[in-house]
Protein backbone atom coordinates (compact mmCIF):
# COMPACT_ATOMS: atom_id res chain seq x y z
CA MET A 1 0.12 -0.11 0.16
CA ARG A 2 2.87 2.42 0.78
CA GLU A 3 4.61 1.68 -2.68
CA TYR A 4 1.44 2.37 -4.48
CA ALA A 5 0.98 5.86 -2.52
CA ALA A 6 4.24 6.58 -3.20
CA LEU A 7 3.89 6.25 -7.00
CA LYS A 8 0.38 8.13 -7.36
CA GLY A 9 2.19 11.15 -5.27
CA LEU A 10 5.38 10.83 -7.70
CA PRO A 11 4.11 13.81 -10.06
CA TYR A 12 4.06 16.20 -7.10
CA TYR A 13 7.94 15.39 -6.10
CA ASP A 14 10.30 18.06 -6.51
CA LEU A 15 12.82 15.47 -7.38
CA VAL A 16 10.60 13.65 -9.73
CA GLU A 17 12.61 13.76 -12.91
CA GLU A 18 15.89 13.01 -10.95
CA ILE A 19 14.02 9.99 -9.56
CA LEU A 20 12.85 8.69 -12.77
CA ALA A 21 16.30 8.94 -14.61
CA ALA A 22 18.26 7.32 -11.54
CA LYS A 23 20.61 4.71 -12.12
CA PRO A 24 22.13 2.39 -9.62
CA SER A 25 25.78 3.70 -8.75
CA THR A 26 28.49 1.74 -7.25
CA PRO A 27 28.11 0.84 -3.53
CA VAL A 28 30.32 2.59 -1.08
CA GLN A 29 32.89 0.49 1.04
CA PRO A 30 32.89 2.31 4.27
CA THR A 31 35.89 1.79 6.46
CA GLU A 32 35.31 0.02 10.01
CA ARG A 33 36.03 3.58 11.85
CA GLU A 34 33.43 5.10 9.65
CA LEU A 35 30.88 2.49 10.75
CA LYS A 36 31.67 2.28 14.21
CA VAL A 37 31.20 6.09 14.41
CA THR A 38 28.02 5.99 12.91
CA MET A 39 26.53 3.01 14.81
CA ASP A 40 28.01 4.84 17.92
CA ALA A 41 26.49 7.99 16.78
CA TYR A 42 22.95 6.75 15.76
CA ALA A 43 22.70 3.41 17.87
CA VAL A 44 22.09 1.55 14.53
CA ASN A 45 23.38 -1.90 13.70
CA LYS A 46 26.09 -2.30 10.98
CA PRO A 47 23.96 -3.13 7.74
CA GLN A 48 22.00 0.47 9.03
CA ALA A 49 25.27 2.12 9.17
CA ILE A 50 26.65 1.05 5.70
CA ALA A 51 23.53 2.54 4.45
CA ILE A 52 23.70 5.72 6.11
CA VAL A 53 27.58 6.11 5.50
CA GLY A 54 27.02 5.11 1.71
CA ALA A 55 23.82 7.66 1.16
CA CYS A 56 25.86 10.46 2.83
CA GLN A 57 28.73 9.91 0.67
CA LYS A 58 26.64 9.87 -2.30
CA GLU A 59 25.55 13.00 -4.37
CA GLY A 60 21.55 13.36 -5.29
CA PHE A 61 19.58 11.22 -3.49
CA SER A 62 19.35 7.90 -2.25
CA LEU A 63 16.67 5.20 -1.64
CA ILE A 64 16.84 2.78 1.37
CA GLN A 65 14.46 0.18 1.21
CA GLY A 66 13.70 -2.53 4.02
CA PRO A 67 10.57 -3.78 5.84
CA PRO A 68 8.96 -1.94 8.70
CA GLY A 69 11.09 -1.66 11.50
CA THR A 70 14.48 -1.93 10.17
CA GLY A 71 15.47 1.74 10.28
CA GLY A 72 14.28 3.60 7.17
CA TYR A 73 12.52 6.13 9.31
CA VAL A 74 15.50 6.48 11.78
CA PHE A 75 17.68 7.29 8.59
CA VAL A 76 15.37 9.93 7.40
CA LEU A 77 15.53 11.43 10.58
CA ILE A 78 19.49 11.40 11.02
CA ASN A 79 19.83 13.12 7.20
CA ILE A 80 17.60 15.46 8.42
CA ARG A 81 19.44 16.75 11.33
């Protein structure tokens, strides 16, 4: 249901053209130090820290997808800060 709502709202997004033209990028390989700093600062696990570090090091936008309760909302709040 969330995916359907997101697709219905797509024409109203400011980044609609960038979203539709997006291409996968090479995954970032964060260092163990970067992961530890991120895990300690935001109380997240290693896969979440990898996603956070990777998204923060990329230009443009990043889509982080996961089942409910896996930290996507936490990541949005971290990036807003």
